[in-house]
Amino acid sequence: MNQKAIWTGRILSGLAIAFLLFDATMKFFMDKLPPEALEAGAALQWPIELMPTVGAILLVCTVLHLIPKTTLLGAVLLTGYLGGAVASHIRVSNPLFSHTLFPIYIAAFIWVGLYLRNARLRQVFP
């Protein structure tokens, strides 16, 4: 694969990882967020006291994806996590393209980025 594709994969992966790390970090500081952010979180009907636990799960999955030897495991776990996010948005009837499908956009960045930068994955899925 050429260098352009590898760098495209790194950029896509980097964008997804940056968002996920930011999201995980914010879940530890829910009491310090602006009211608009708290309202958006409350709309999903998740108890605020569970957010640090959710953030820790997301952080572990993201770190696993960052480690080269466990990147595939991390991608699989993040896919499951993001699937739960889709289910949460569907459950409260959030808008489709801006809210409900957003976790799928992030998952696509994870998998396309991984595919473009990982030769072994390209052998499994030509």
C-alpha atoms as a PDB file:
ATOM      1  CA  MET A   1       0.000   0.000   0.000  1.00  0.00           C
ATOM      2  CA  ASN A   2       1.338   3.428  -0.810  1.00  0.00           C
ATOM      3  CA  GLN A   3       2.375   6.070   1.699  1.00  0.00           C
ATOM      4  CA  LYS A   4      -0.685   8.244   0.972  1.00  0.00           C
ATOM      5  CA  ALA A   5      -3.029   5.460   2.046  1.00  0.00           C
ATOM      6  CA  ILE A   6      -1.009   4.753   5.186  1.00  0.00           C
ATOM      7  CA  TRP A   7      -1.043   8.434   6.168  1.00  0.00           C
ATOM      8  CA  THR A   8      -4.747   8.670   5.402  1.00  0.00           C
ATOM      9  CA  GLY A   9      -5.257   5.714   7.742  1.00  0.00           C
ATOM     10  CA  ARG A  10      -3.182   7.353  10.456  1.00  0.00           C
ATOM     11  CA  ILE A  11      -5.147  10.592  10.146  1.00  0.00           C
ATOM     12  CA  LEU A  12      -8.535   8.822  10.258  1.00  0.00           C
ATOM     13  CA  SER A  13      -7.426   6.769  13.252  1.00  0.00           C
ATOM     14  CA  GLY A  14      -6.004   9.863  14.938  1.00  0.00           C
ATOM     15  CA  LEU A  15      -9.257  11.787  14.523  1.00  0.00           C
ATOM     16  CA  ALA A  16     -11.305   8.926  15.969  1.00  0.00           C
ATOM     17  CA  ILE A  17      -8.884   8.420  18.861  1.00  0.00           C
ATOM     18  CA  ALA A  18      -8.775  12.151  19.636  1.00  0.00           C
ATOM     19  CA  PHE A  19     -12.566  12.292  19.805  1.00  0.00           C
ATOM     20  CA  LEU A  20     -12.806   9.137  21.938  1.00  0.00           C
ATOM     21  CA  LEU A  21     -10.133  10.326  24.388  1.00  0.00           C
ATOM     22  CA  PHE A  22     -11.879  13.688  24.688  1.00  0.00           C
ATOM     23  CA  ASP A  23     -15.249  11.977  25.241  1.00  0.00           C
ATOM     24  CA  ALA A  24     -13.811   9.583  27.838  1.00  0.00           C
ATOM     25  CA  THR A  25     -12.115  12.445  29.704  1.00  0.00           C
ATOM     26  CA  MET A  26     -15.294  14.539  29.792  1.00  0.00           C
ATOM     27  CA  LYS A  27     -17.171  11.693  31.444  1.00  0.00           C
ATOM     28  CA  PHE A  28     -14.937  12.141  34.509  1.00  0.00           C
ATOM     29  CA  PHE A  29     -15.823  15.845  34.796  1.00  0.00           C
ATOM     30  CA  MET A  30     -19.596  15.808  34.330  1.00  0.00           C
ATOM     31  CA  ASP A  31     -20.116  18.094  37.338  1.00  0.00           C
ATOM     32  CA  LYS A  32     -17.936  20.789  35.716  1.00  0.00           C
ATOM     33  CA  LEU A  33     -19.590  20.804  32.268  1.00  0.00           C
ATOM     34  CA  PRO A  34     -21.787  23.657  31.022  1.00  0.00           C
ATOM     35  CA  PRO A  35     -25.566  23.212  31.440  1.00  0.00           C
ATOM     36  CA  GLU A  36     -26.027  22.562  27.686  1.00  0.00           C
ATOM     37  CA  ALA A  37     -23.687  19.580  27.819  1.00  0.00           C
ATOM     38  CA  LEU A  38     -25.415  18.219  30.916  1.00  0.00           C
ATOM     39  CA  GLU A  39     -28.812  18.569  29.218  1.00  0.00           C
ATOM     40  CA  ALA A  40     -27.560  16.662  26.180  1.00  0.00           C
ATOM     41  CA  GLY A  41     -26.285  13.902  28.457  1.00  0.00           C
ATOM     42  CA  ALA A  42     -29.512  13.846  30.479  1.00  0.00           C
ATOM     43  CA  ALA A  43     -31.481  13.413  27.248  1.00  0.00           C
ATOM     44  CA  LEU A  44     -29.913   9.949  26.919  1.00  0.00           C
ATOM     45  CA  GLN A  45     -31.307   9.096  30.365  1.00  0.00           C
ATOM     46  CA  TRP A  46     -28.041   7.741  31.736  1.00  0.00           C
ATOM     47  CA  PRO A  47     -27.519   8.396  35.463  1.00  0.00           C
ATOM     48  CA  ILE A  48     -24.751  10.980  35.863  1.00  0.00           C
ATOM     49  CA  GLU A  49     -23.090   8.934  38.612  1.00  0.00           C
ATOM     50  CA  LEU A  50     -22.387   6.167  36.052  1.00  0.00           C
ATOM     51  CA  MET A  51     -20.480   8.468  33.683  1.00  0.00           C
ATOM     52  CA  PRO A  52     -17.039   7.905  35.267  1.00  0.00           C
ATOM     53  CA  THR A  53     -17.535   4.145  34.849  1.00  0.00           C
ATOM     54  CA  VAL A  54     -18.571   4.602  31.218  1.00  0.00           C
ATOM     55  CA  GLY A  55     -15.572   6.906  30.723  1.00  0.00           C
ATOM     56  CA  ALA A  56     -13.207   4.311  32.220  1.00  0.00           C
ATOM     57  CA  ILE A  57     -14.567   1.603  29.911  1.00  0.00           C
ATOM     58  CA  LEU A  58     -14.141   3.891  26.900  1.00  0.00           C
ATOM     59  CA  LEU A  59     -10.642   4.863  28.011  1.00  0.00           C
ATOM     60  CA  VAL A  60      -9.533   1.223  28.382  1.00  0.00           C
ATOM     61  CA  CYS A  61     -10.929   0.293  24.958  1.00  0.00           C
ATOM     62  CA  THR A  62      -9.271   3.322  23.339  1.00  0.00           C
ATOM     63  CA  VAL A  63      -5.898   2.613  24.967  1.00  0.00           C
ATOM     64  CA  LEU A  64      -6.114  -0.997  23.773  1.00  0.00           C
ATOM     65  CA  HIS A  65      -6.684   0.344  20.265  1.00  0.00           C
ATOM     66  CA  LEU A  66      -3.621   2.606  20.608  1.00  0.00           C
ATOM     67  CA  ILE A  67      -1.261  -0.277  21.485  1.00  0.00           C
ATOM     68  CA  PRO A  68      -0.025  -1.898  18.245  1.00  0.00           C
ATOM     69  CA  LYS A  69      -0.265  -5.475  19.563  1.00  0.00           C
ATOM     70  CA  THR A  70      -3.850  -4.996  20.799  1.00  0.00           C
ATOM     71  CA  THR A  71      -5.132  -2.553  18.177  1.00  0.00           C
ATOM     72  CA  LEU A  72      -7.515  -5.077  16.628  1.00  0.00           C
ATOM     73  CA  LEU A  73      -8.959  -6.045  20.026  1.00  0.00           C
ATOM     74  CA  GLY A  74      -9.387  -2.357  20.813  1.00  0.00           C
ATOM     75  CA  ALA A  75     -11.190  -1.780  17.510  1.00  0.00           C
ATOM     76  CA  VAL A  76     -13.573  -4.669  18.203  1.00  0.00           C
ATOM     77  CA  LEU A  77     -14.287  -3.436  21.748  1.00  0.00           C
ATOM     78  CA  LEU A  78     -14.785   0.144  20.540  1.00  0.00           C
ATOM     79  CA  THR A  79     -17.220  -1.137  17.917  1.00  0.00           C
ATOM     80  CA  GLY A  80     -19.260  -2.745  20.689  1.00  0.00           C
ATOM     81  CA  TYR A  81     -19.106   0.419  22.793  1.00  0.00           C
ATOM     82  CA  LEU A  82     -20.191   2.565  19.852  1.00  0.00           C
ATOM     83  CA  GLY A  83     -23.005   0.132  19.063  1.00  0.00           C
ATOM     84  CA  GLY A  84     -24.290   0.759  22.571  1.00  0.00           C
ATOM     85  CA  ALA A  85     -24.144   4.487  21.892  1.00  0.00           C
ATOM     86  CA  VAL A  86     -26.278   3.998  18.763  1.00  0.00           C
ATOM     87  CA  ALA A  87     -28.783   2.000  20.809  1.00  0.00           C
ATOM     88  CA  SER A  88     -28.913   4.766  23.441  1.00  0.00           C
ATOM     89  CA  HIS A  89     -29.685   7.374  20.788  1.00  0.00           C
ATOM     90  CA  ILE A  90     -32.333   5.213  19.134  1.00  0.00           C
ATOM     91  CA  ARG A  91     -33.993   4.547  22.507  1.00  0.00           C
ATOM     92  CA  VAL A  92     -34.618   8.261  23.084  1.00  0.00           C
ATOM     93  CA  SER A  93     -35.489   9.014  19.431  1.00  0.00           C
ATOM     94  CA  ASN A  94     -32.574  11.371  18.780  1.00  0.00           C
ATOM     95  CA  PRO A  95     -32.136  12.735  15.237  1.00  0.00           C
ATOM     96  CA  LEU A  96     -30.779  10.092  12.858  1.00  0.00           C
ATOM     97  CA  PHE A  97     -27.880  11.699  10.978  1.00  0.00           C
ATOM     98  CA  SER A  98     -26.533  14.090  13.608  1.00  0.00           C
ATOM     99  CA  HIS A  99     -26.852  11.964  16.758  1.00  0.00           C
ATOM    100  CA  THR A 100     -27.825   8.341  16.166  1.00  0.00           C
ATOM    101  CA  LEU A 101     -25.395   7.635  13.320  1.00  0.00           C
ATOM    102  CA  PHE A 102     -22.506   9.685  14.745  1.00  0.00           C
ATOM    103  CA  PRO A 103     -21.030   6.662  16.607  1.00  0.00           C
ATOM    104  CA  ILE A 104     -21.112   4.755  13.313  1.00  0.00           C
ATOM    105  CA  TYR A 105     -19.134   7.563  11.669  1.00  0.00           C
ATOM    106  CA  ILE A 106     -16.510   7.216  14.415  1.00  0.00           C
ATOM    107  CA  ALA A 107     -16.465   3.420  14.004  1.00  0.00           C
ATOM    108  CA  ALA A 108     -15.962   3.868  10.251  1.00  0.00           C
ATOM    109  CA  PHE A 109     -12.957   6.126  10.949  1.00  0.00           C
ATOM    110  CA  ILE A 110     -11.563   3.460  13.296  1.00  0.00           C
ATOM    111  CA  TRP A 111     -11.966   0.576  10.839  1.00  0.00           C
ATOM    112  CA  VAL A 112     -11.028   2.384   7.621  1.00  0.00           C
ATOM    113  CA  GLY A 113      -8.022   3.889   9.380  1.00  0.00           C
ATOM    114  CA  LEU A 114      -6.974   0.494  10.701  1.00  0.00           C
ATOM    115  CA  TYR A 115      -7.509  -1.144   7.297  1.00  0.00           C
ATOM    116  CA  LEU A 116      -5.356   1.440   5.531  1.00  0.00           C
ATOM    117  CA  ARG A 117      -2.470   1.174   7.989  1.00  0.00           C
ATOM    118  CA  ASN A 118      -2.529  -2.555   8.840  1.00  0.00           C
ATOM    119  CA  ALA A 119      -1.273  -5.004   6.189  1.00  0.00           C
ATOM    120  CA  ARG A 120      -2.508  -8.073   8.107  1.00  0.00           C
ATOM    121  CA  LEU A 121      -6.062  -6.728   8.185  1.00  0.00           C
ATOM    122  CA  ARG A 122      -5.914  -6.087   4.422  1.00  0.00           C
ATOM    123  CA  GLN A 123      -4.927  -9.756   3.946  1.00  0.00           C
ATOM    124  CA  VAL A 124      -7.983 -10.924   5.889  1.00  0.00           C
ATOM    125  CA  PHE A 125     -10.335  -8.476   4.132  1.00  0.00           C
ATOM    126  CA  PRO A 126      -8.881  -7.881   0.640  1.00  0.00           C
END
